[in-house]
Amino acid sequence: MVTVKTGEEIALMRESCRIVKETLDFVGKNIRAGMTTKEVDELVYKYIISCGAYPSELGYEGYPASSCVSVNEVVVHGIPGDRVILDGDIVGVDITAEKNGFHGDAARTFLVGNVSEEKRRLVKVTEECFFKAIEGLRAGSPLFDIGYAVQAHAEANGYGVVRALTGHGIGRSMHEDPAVPNYGRKGTGMRLKAGMTICIEPMINMGTYKVFMGGDDGWTVVTADGKPAAHYENTVLITENGVEILTL
């Protein structure tokens, strides 16, 4: 069921989203070659807790960490562990924080050290896909205009758009209706309503759009061809006149 948030609920979500934004800024300042993905996760946990919030991902359906840390060919849901981040890696960090009963969710892909121009371009275009998706978006817009914009920009740049995973609504639960695909036909889908809060999160692959789901751990999603992937996400509020990005 799609939920429309009240003014009071939106105010509470702004607080959770602010914490998410600040946590990602903190990670961006501290992530470096030589760290393990587990050490990145420890940064996330400590910062979110210090804000009086809770990392929503910790324990979610059995997930064992406070964040998803996804290196190079890992698209999303990389479980933090002993993998060492190397110079030239790109690292997606996806976090959700809950405070006062509401969640905020965002992801960034960080450039670590001397990253190739090929990978830099992938990360840049993935971020651009998000901003293309919110151009002209407002109450009354068709839902699948979001995915159409993401897909058009990514494929125009020669990249694959992940279809097996989507963005989502968010609020009292980390994942709410509706699903928000990164592909679609313009002018179709439900009409967005003012007060809806959704996560728009392009997941873009350098090669094929196909992925392997779950791996041995049941979580990790990797590109089918082993090429790098990037991820960029924000929680946005739909308004009568446009959108407000709550995690920026």
C-alpha atoms as a PDB file:
ATOM      1  CA  MET A   1       0.000   0.000   0.000  1.00  0.00           C
ATOM      2  CA  VAL A   2       1.328   3.428  -0.967  1.00  0.00           C
ATOM      3  CA  THR A   3       1.435   5.856   1.961  1.00  0.00           C
ATOM      4  CA  VAL A   4       1.231   9.638   1.794  1.00  0.00           C
ATOM      5  CA  LYS A   5       3.076  11.296   4.666  1.00  0.00           C
ATOM      6  CA  THR A   6       1.730  14.076   6.879  1.00  0.00           C
ATOM      7  CA  GLY A   7       3.731  17.226   7.577  1.00  0.00           C
ATOM      8  CA  GLU A   8       4.718  15.855  10.982  1.00  0.00           C
ATOM      9  CA  GLU A   9       5.884  12.569   9.479  1.00  0.00           C
ATOM     10  CA  ILE A  10       7.888  14.380   6.811  1.00  0.00           C
ATOM     11  CA  ALA A  11       9.627  16.423   9.521  1.00  0.00           C
ATOM     12  CA  LEU A  12      10.657  13.200  11.264  1.00  0.00           C
ATOM     13  CA  MET A  13      11.902  11.747   7.977  1.00  0.00           C
ATOM     14  CA  ARG A  14      14.020  14.843   7.367  1.00  0.00           C
ATOM     15  CA  GLU A  15      15.883  14.064  10.585  1.00  0.00           C
ATOM     16  CA  SER A  16      16.576  10.447   9.606  1.00  0.00           C
ATOM     17  CA  CYS A  17      17.613  11.529   6.118  1.00  0.00           C
ATOM     18  CA  ARG A  18      19.948  14.206   7.480  1.00  0.00           C
ATOM     19  CA  ILE A  19      21.722  11.538   9.539  1.00  0.00           C
ATOM     20  CA  VAL A  20      22.095   9.345   6.452  1.00  0.00           C
ATOM     21  CA  LYS A  21      23.558  12.232   4.455  1.00  0.00           C
ATOM     22  CA  GLU A  22      26.016  13.126   7.227  1.00  0.00           C
ATOM     23  CA  THR A  23      27.051   9.490   7.638  1.00  0.00           C
ATOM     24  CA  LEU A  24      27.845   9.166   3.948  1.00  0.00           C
ATOM     25  CA  ASP A  25      29.816  12.420   4.067  1.00  0.00           C
ATOM     26  CA  PHE A  26      31.778  10.985   7.010  1.00  0.00           C
ATOM     27  CA  VAL A  27      32.505   7.768   5.129  1.00  0.00           C
ATOM     28  CA  GLY A  28      33.586   9.733   2.066  1.00  0.00           C
ATOM     29  CA  LYS A  29      36.139  11.658   4.115  1.00  0.00           C
ATOM     30  CA  ASN A  30      37.568   8.517   5.725  1.00  0.00           C
ATOM     31  CA  ILE A  31      37.418   5.702   3.180  1.00  0.00           C
ATOM     32  CA  ARG A  32      40.823   4.807   1.785  1.00  0.00           C
ATOM     33  CA  ALA A  33      42.853   2.043   0.175  1.00  0.00           C
ATOM     34  CA  GLY A  34      43.970  -0.588   2.658  1.00  0.00           C
ATOM     35  CA  MET A  35      40.756  -0.564   4.689  1.00  0.00           C
ATOM     36  CA  THR A  36      38.567  -3.625   4.767  1.00  0.00           C
ATOM     37  CA  THR A  37      34.901  -3.365   3.913  1.00  0.00           C
ATOM     38  CA  LYS A  38      34.227  -4.321   7.542  1.00  0.00           C
ATOM     39  CA  GLU A  39      36.123  -1.234   8.694  1.00  0.00           C
ATOM     40  CA  VAL A  40      33.906   0.908   6.456  1.00  0.00           C
ATOM     41  CA  ASP A  41      30.874  -0.688   8.072  1.00  0.00           C
ATOM     42  CA  GLU A  42      32.243   0.124  11.531  1.00  0.00           C
ATOM     43  CA  LEU A  43      32.441   3.808  10.533  1.00  0.00           C
ATOM     44  CA  VAL A  44      28.785   3.676   9.499  1.00  0.00           C
ATOM     45  CA  TYR A  45      27.643   1.967  12.692  1.00  0.00           C
ATOM     46  CA  LYS A  46      29.492   4.305  15.039  1.00  0.00           C
ATOM     47  CA  TYR A  47      28.340   7.472  13.282  1.00  0.00           C
ATOM     48  CA  ILE A  48      24.671   6.503  13.077  1.00  0.00           C
ATOM     49  CA  ILE A  49      24.605   5.414  16.724  1.00  0.00           C
ATOM     50  CA  SER A  50      26.319   8.661  17.745  1.00  0.00           C
ATOM     51  CA  CYS A  51      23.374  10.526  16.207  1.00  0.00           C
ATOM     52  CA  GLY A  52      20.867   8.697  18.368  1.00  0.00           C
ATOM     53  CA  ALA A  53      19.632   6.656  15.414  1.00  0.00           C
ATOM     54  CA  TYR A  54      19.819   2.981  14.469  1.00  0.00           C
ATOM     55  CA  PRO A  55      21.261   1.416  11.280  1.00  0.00           C
ATOM     56  CA  SER A  56      18.110  -0.077   9.762  1.00  0.00           C
ATOM     57  CA  GLU A  57      20.005  -2.665   7.713  1.00  0.00           C
ATOM     58  CA  LEU A  58      21.485  -4.350  10.788  1.00  0.00           C
ATOM     59  CA  GLY A  59      19.409  -7.492  11.327  1.00  0.00           C
ATOM     60  CA  TYR A  60      17.004  -6.739   8.441  1.00  0.00           C
ATOM     61  CA  GLU A  61      15.830 -10.190   7.282  1.00  0.00           C
ATOM     62  CA  GLY A  62      18.981 -11.545   8.905  1.00  0.00           C
ATOM     63  CA  TYR A  63      21.404  -9.115   7.244  1.00  0.00           C
ATOM     64  CA  PRO A  64      24.533  -9.119   9.441  1.00  0.00           C
ATOM     65  CA  ALA A  65      25.875  -5.555   9.026  1.00  0.00           C
ATOM     66  CA  SER A  66      24.978  -1.871   9.304  1.00  0.00           C
ATOM     67  CA  SER A  67      25.618  -1.080   5.641  1.00  0.00           C
ATOM     68  CA  CYS A  68      26.068  -2.629   2.230  1.00  0.00           C
ATOM     69  CA  VAL A  69      29.623  -2.119   0.954  1.00  0.00           C
ATOM     70  CA  SER A  70      29.953  -3.121  -2.693  1.00  0.00           C
ATOM     71  CA  VAL A  71      33.330  -3.060  -4.466  1.00  0.00           C
ATOM     72  CA  ASN A  72      33.790  -2.906  -8.256  1.00  0.00           C
ATOM     73  CA  GLU A  73      31.812  -5.838  -9.744  1.00  0.00           C
ATOM     74  CA  VAL A  74      29.497  -6.039  -6.722  1.00  0.00           C
ATOM     75  CA  VAL A  75      26.360  -4.136  -7.725  1.00  0.00           C
ATOM     76  CA  VAL A  76      24.671  -3.955  -4.311  1.00  0.00           C
ATOM     77  CA  HIS A  77      24.245  -5.810  -1.005  1.00  0.00           C
ATOM     78  CA  GLY A  78      27.925  -6.515  -0.489  1.00  0.00           C
ATOM     79  CA  ILE A  79      28.298  -7.869   3.055  1.00  0.00           C
ATOM     80  CA  PRO A  80      31.175  -6.094   4.838  1.00  0.00           C
ATOM     81  CA  GLY A  81      34.032  -8.422   5.679  1.00  0.00           C
ATOM     82  CA  ASP A  82      37.725  -9.043   5.080  1.00  0.00           C
ATOM     83  CA  ARG A  83      37.881  -7.750   1.491  1.00  0.00           C
ATOM     84  CA  VAL A  84      40.580  -5.090   1.324  1.00  0.00           C
ATOM     85  CA  ILE A  85      39.787  -1.956  -0.661  1.00  0.00           C
ATOM     86  CA  LEU A  86      42.522  -1.345  -3.206  1.00  0.00           C
ATOM     87  CA  ASP A  87      43.812   1.776  -4.886  1.00  0.00           C
ATOM     88  CA  GLY A  88      41.647   2.317  -7.964  1.00  0.00           C
ATOM     89  CA  ASP A  89      38.547   0.604  -6.603  1.00  0.00           C
ATOM     90  CA  ILE A  90      35.055   2.075  -6.707  1.00  0.00           C
ATOM     91  CA  VAL A  91      33.046   1.332  -3.577  1.00  0.00           C
ATOM     92  CA  GLY A  92      29.281   1.617  -3.247  1.00  0.00           C
ATOM     93  CA  VAL A  93      28.082   2.304   0.296  1.00  0.00           C
ATOM     94  CA  ASP A  94      24.332   1.985   0.872  1.00  0.00           C
ATOM     95  CA  ILE A  95      22.935   2.910   4.289  1.00  0.00           C
ATOM     96  CA  THR A  96      19.594   3.369   5.993  1.00  0.00           C
ATOM     97  CA  ALA A  97      19.027   5.007   9.370  1.00  0.00           C
ATOM     98  CA  GLU A  98      15.938   4.908  11.569  1.00  0.00           C
ATOM     99  CA  LYS A  99      15.062   7.539  14.146  1.00  0.00           C
ATOM    100  CA  ASN A 100      11.719   8.337  15.763  1.00  0.00           C
ATOM    101  CA  GLY A 101      10.083   5.509  13.820  1.00  0.00           C
ATOM    102  CA  PHE A 102      11.054   6.715  10.327  1.00  0.00           C
ATOM    103  CA  HIS A 103      13.796   5.695   7.914  1.00  0.00           C
ATOM    104  CA  GLY A 104      16.076   7.543   5.514  1.00  0.00           C
ATOM    105  CA  ASP A 105      18.040   5.747   2.785  1.00  0.00           C
ATOM    106  CA  ALA A 106      20.815   6.744   0.394  1.00  0.00           C
ATOM    107  CA  ALA A 107      23.853   5.346  -1.402  1.00  0.00           C
ATOM    108  CA  ARG A 108      27.013   6.733  -2.929  1.00  0.00           C
ATOM    109  CA  THR A 109      29.790   5.157  -4.975  1.00  0.00           C
ATOM    110  CA  PHE A 110      33.163   6.411  -3.764  1.00  0.00           C
ATOM    111  CA  LEU A 111      36.348   6.689  -5.818  1.00  0.00           C
ATOM    112  CA  VAL A 112      39.327   5.300  -3.908  1.00  0.00           C
ATOM    113  CA  GLY A 113      42.775   6.512  -4.945  1.00  0.00           C
ATOM    114  CA  ASN A 114      43.822   6.491  -8.580  1.00  0.00           C
ATOM    115  CA  VAL A 115      40.605   5.412 -10.274  1.00  0.00           C
ATOM    116  CA  SER A 116      40.626   4.830 -14.024  1.00  0.00           C
ATOM    117  CA  GLU A 117      38.833   7.268 -16.281  1.00  0.00           C
ATOM    118  CA  GLU A 118      36.572   4.418 -17.383  1.00  0.00           C
ATOM    119  CA  LYS A 119      35.336   3.817 -13.832  1.00  0.00           C
ATOM    120  CA  ARG A 120      35.096   7.559 -13.096  1.00  0.00           C
ATOM    121  CA  ARG A 121      32.819   7.993 -16.072  1.00  0.00           C
ATOM    122  CA  LEU A 122      30.590   5.139 -14.916  1.00  0.00           C
ATOM    123  CA  VAL A 123      30.173   6.710 -11.471  1.00  0.00           C
ATOM    124  CA  LYS A 124      29.506  10.139 -12.981  1.00  0.00           C
ATOM    125  CA  VAL A 125      26.856   8.871 -15.405  1.00  0.00           C
ATOM    126  CA  THR A 126      25.164   6.849 -12.647  1.00  0.00           C
ATOM    127  CA  GLU A 127      24.769  10.003 -10.556  1.00  0.00           C
ATOM    128  CA  GLU A 128      23.544  11.884 -13.613  1.00  0.00           C
ATOM    129  CA  CYS A 129      20.884   9.192 -14.099  1.00  0.00           C
ATOM    130  CA  PHE A 130      19.385  10.110 -10.727  1.00  0.00           C
ATOM    131  CA  PHE A 131      19.181  13.799 -11.566  1.00  0.00           C
ATOM    132  CA  LYS A 132      17.742  13.049 -15.015  1.00  0.00           C
ATOM    133  CA  ALA A 133      15.064  10.991 -13.254  1.00  0.00           C
ATOM    134  CA  ILE A 134      13.861  13.878 -11.090  1.00  0.00           C
ATOM    135  CA  GLU A 135      13.752  16.486 -13.873  1.00  0.00           C
ATOM    136  CA  GLY A 136      10.160  17.684 -14.053  1.00  0.00           C
ATOM    137  CA  LEU A 137       9.037  15.092 -11.501  1.00  0.00           C
ATOM    138  CA  ARG A 138       6.104  16.209  -9.326  1.00  0.00           C
ATOM    139  CA  ALA A 139       2.684  15.181  -8.071  1.00  0.00           C
ATOM    140  CA  GLY A 140       0.781  13.734 -11.034  1.00  0.00           C
ATOM    141  CA  SER A 141       3.863  12.422 -12.838  1.00  0.00           C
ATOM    142  CA  PRO A 142       3.665   8.788 -14.006  1.00  0.00           C
ATOM    143  CA  LEU A 143       5.849   6.520 -11.880  1.00  0.00           C
ATOM    144  CA  PHE A 144       7.625   4.865 -14.788  1.00  0.00           C
ATOM    145  CA  ASP A 145       8.856   8.210 -16.124  1.00  0.00           C
ATOM    146  CA  ILE A 146      11.567   7.778 -13.483  1.00  0.00           C
ATOM    147  CA  GLY A 147      12.851   4.530 -14.916  1.00  0.00           C
ATOM    148  CA  TYR A 148      12.479   5.781 -18.475  1.00  0.00           C
ATOM    149  CA  ALA A 149      14.798   8.710 -17.729  1.00  0.00           C
ATOM    150  CA  VAL A 150      17.376   6.513 -15.971  1.00  0.00           C
ATOM    151  CA  GLN A 151      17.384   3.933 -18.745  1.00  0.00           C
ATOM    152  CA  ALA A 152      17.571   6.490 -21.544  1.00  0.00           C
ATOM    153  CA  HIS A 153      20.598   8.255 -20.063  1.00  0.00           C
ATOM    154  CA  ALA A 154      22.460   5.094 -19.070  1.00  0.00           C
ATOM    155  CA  GLU A 155      21.940   3.298 -22.366  1.00  0.00           C
ATOM    156  CA  ALA A 156      22.826   6.426 -24.360  1.00  0.00           C
ATOM    157  CA  ASN A 157      26.200   6.195 -22.620  1.00  0.00           C
ATOM    158  CA  GLY A 158      26.605   2.505 -23.429  1.00  0.00           C
ATOM    159  CA  TYR A 159      25.786   1.073 -19.997  1.00  0.00           C
ATOM    160  CA  GLY A 160      23.491  -1.670 -18.750  1.00  0.00           C
ATOM    161  CA  VAL A 161      20.605  -0.869 -16.406  1.00  0.00           C
ATOM    162  CA  VAL A 162      19.990  -3.437 -13.669  1.00  0.00           C
ATOM    163  CA  ARG A 163      16.444  -4.789 -13.905  1.00  0.00           C
ATOM    164  CA  ALA A 164      16.492  -7.373 -11.122  1.00  0.00           C
ATOM    165  CA  LEU A 165      16.386  -4.723  -8.360  1.00  0.00           C
ATOM    166  CA  THR A 166      14.423  -1.510  -7.941  1.00  0.00           C
ATOM    167  CA  GLY A 167      14.032   1.577  -5.823  1.00  0.00           C
ATOM    168  CA  HIS A 168      11.122   1.703  -3.394  1.00  0.00           C
ATOM    169  CA  GLY A 169       8.862   3.698  -1.144  1.00  0.00           C
ATOM    170  CA  ILE A 170      10.118   4.461   2.358  1.00  0.00           C
ATOM    171  CA  GLY A 171       8.761   5.765   5.651  1.00  0.00           C
ATOM    172  CA  ARG A 172       7.860   3.798   8.761  1.00  0.00           C
ATOM    173  CA  SER A 173       9.320   0.784   6.945  1.00  0.00           C
ATOM    174  CA  MET A 174      12.619   0.716   5.090  1.00  0.00           C
ATOM    175  CA  HIS A 175      10.899  -0.764   2.039  1.00  0.00           C
ATOM    176  CA  GLU A 176       7.362   0.321   1.161  1.00  0.00           C
ATOM    177  CA  ASP A 177       5.271   0.439  -1.997  1.00  0.00           C
ATOM    178  CA  PRO A 178       5.688   1.360  -4.751  1.00  0.00           C
ATOM    179  CA  ALA A 179       8.608  -0.404  -6.411  1.00  0.00           C
ATOM    180  CA  VAL A 180      10.546   2.176  -8.462  1.00  0.00           C
ATOM    181  CA  PRO A 181      12.255   0.476 -11.445  1.00  0.00           C
ATOM    182  CA  ASN A 182      15.224   1.995 -13.280  1.00  0.00           C
ATOM    183  CA  TYR A 183      13.660   1.202 -16.637  1.00  0.00           C
ATOM    184  CA  GLY A 184      10.197   1.737 -18.067  1.00  0.00           C
ATOM    185  CA  ARG A 185       7.904   3.218 -20.660  1.00  0.00           C
ATOM    186  CA  LYS A 186       7.319   6.955 -20.480  1.00  0.00           C
ATOM    187  CA  GLY A 187       3.807   8.005 -19.503  1.00  0.00           C
ATOM    188  CA  THR A 188       2.908   4.759 -17.722  1.00  0.00           C
ATOM    189  CA  GLY A 189       2.537   3.630 -14.137  1.00  0.00           C
ATOM    190  CA  MET A 190       0.636   5.037 -11.170  1.00  0.00           C
ATOM    191  CA  ARG A 191       0.461   8.802 -10.747  1.00  0.00           C
ATOM    192  CA  LEU A 192       2.671  10.123  -7.979  1.00  0.00           C
ATOM    193  CA  LYS A 193       1.021  11.998  -5.119  1.00  0.00           C
ATOM    194  CA  ALA A 194       2.251  14.911  -3.040  1.00  0.00           C
ATOM    195  CA  GLY A 195       3.553  13.579   0.268  1.00  0.00           C
ATOM    196  CA  MET A 196       4.909  10.327  -1.125  1.00  0.00           C
ATOM    197  CA  THR A 197       8.489   9.524  -0.128  1.00  0.00           C
ATOM    198  CA  ILE A 198      10.447   7.243  -2.446  1.00  0.00           C
ATOM    199  CA  CYS A 199      14.006   6.065  -2.995  1.00  0.00           C
ATOM    200  CA  ILE A 200      15.303   6.531  -6.518  1.00  0.00           C
ATOM    201  CA  GLU A 201      18.470   4.475  -6.945  1.00  0.00           C
ATOM    202  CA  PRO A 202      20.079   3.907 -10.342  1.00  0.00           C
ATOM    203  CA  MET A 203      22.197   0.737 -10.401  1.00  0.00           C
ATOM    204  CA  ILE A 204      24.246   0.924 -13.577  1.00  0.00           C
ATOM    205  CA  ASN A 205      26.681  -1.642 -15.002  1.00  0.00           C
ATOM    206  CA  MET A 206      29.628  -0.976 -17.282  1.00  0.00           C
ATOM    207  CA  GLY A 207      28.645  -4.019 -19.345  1.00  0.00           C
ATOM    208  CA  THR A 208      25.565  -6.218 -19.429  1.00  0.00           C
ATOM    209  CA  TYR A 209      22.503  -5.386 -17.350  1.00  0.00           C
ATOM    210  CA  LYS A 210      22.421  -9.006 -16.176  1.00  0.00           C
ATOM    211  CA  VAL A 211      23.437  -9.898 -12.629  1.00  0.00           C
ATOM    212  CA  PHE A 212      23.947 -12.936 -10.430  1.00  0.00           C
ATOM    213  CA  MET A 213      21.730 -12.709  -7.376  1.00  0.00           C
ATOM    214  CA  GLY A 214      22.608 -13.779  -3.870  1.00  0.00           C
ATOM    215  CA  GLY A 215      25.870 -15.659  -4.249  1.00  0.00           C
ATOM    216  CA  ASP A 216      26.945 -18.039  -1.505  1.00  0.00           C
ATOM    217  CA  ASP A 217      25.811 -15.648   1.228  1.00  0.00           C
ATOM    218  CA  GLY A 218      22.304 -15.107  -0.117  1.00  0.00           C
ATOM    219  CA  TRP A 219      22.807 -11.327  -0.443  1.00  0.00           C
ATOM    220  CA  THR A 220      25.659 -10.244  -2.703  1.00  0.00           C
ATOM    221  CA  VAL A 221      24.631  -9.175  -6.219  1.00  0.00           C
ATOM    222  CA  VAL A 222      27.396  -9.125  -8.852  1.00  0.00           C
ATOM    223  CA  THR A 223      27.525  -8.266 -12.537  1.00  0.00           C
ATOM    224  CA  ALA A 224      27.166 -11.307 -14.774  1.00  0.00           C
ATOM    225  CA  ASP A 225      30.232 -10.336 -16.809  1.00  0.00           C
ATOM    226  CA  GLY A 226      32.434  -9.258 -13.885  1.00  0.00           C
ATOM    227  CA  LYS A 227      32.617  -5.640 -15.048  1.00  0.00           C
ATOM    228  CA  PRO A 228      32.223  -2.760 -12.556  1.00  0.00           C
ATOM    229  CA  ALA A 229      28.893  -1.342 -11.410  1.00  0.00           C
ATOM    230  CA  ALA A 230      27.918   1.906  -9.687  1.00  0.00           C
ATOM    231  CA  HIS A 231      25.020   2.870  -7.411  1.00  0.00           C
ATOM    232  CA  TYR A 232      23.588   6.268  -6.476  1.00  0.00           C
ATOM    233  CA  GLU A 233      20.497   6.754  -4.313  1.00  0.00           C
ATOM    234  CA  ASN A 234      18.527   9.420  -2.497  1.00  0.00           C
ATOM    235  CA  THR A 235      15.275   9.572  -0.568  1.00  0.00           C
ATOM    236  CA  VAL A 236      12.988  12.116  -2.221  1.00  0.00           C
ATOM    237  CA  LEU A 237       9.720  13.764  -1.241  1.00  0.00           C
ATOM    238  CA  ILE A 238       7.141  14.313  -3.981  1.00  0.00           C
ATOM    239  CA  THR A 239       5.540  17.777  -3.835  1.00  0.00           C
ATOM    240  CA  GLU A 240       2.951  19.611  -5.924  1.00  0.00           C
ATOM    241  CA  ASN A 241       5.710  21.613  -7.614  1.00  0.00           C
ATOM    242  CA  GLY A 242       8.574  19.129  -7.853  1.00  0.00           C
ATOM    243  CA  VAL A 243      10.674  17.035  -5.494  1.00  0.00           C
ATOM    244  CA  GLU A 244      12.704  17.685  -2.362  1.00  0.00           C
ATOM    245  CA  ILE A 245      15.809  15.528  -1.994  1.00  0.00           C
ATOM    246  CA  LEU A 246      15.795  14.649   1.696  1.00  0.00           C
ATOM    247  CA  THR A 247      19.243  13.029   1.769  1.00  0.00           C
ATOM    248  CA  LEU A 248      21.151  15.977   0.267  1.00  0.00           C
END
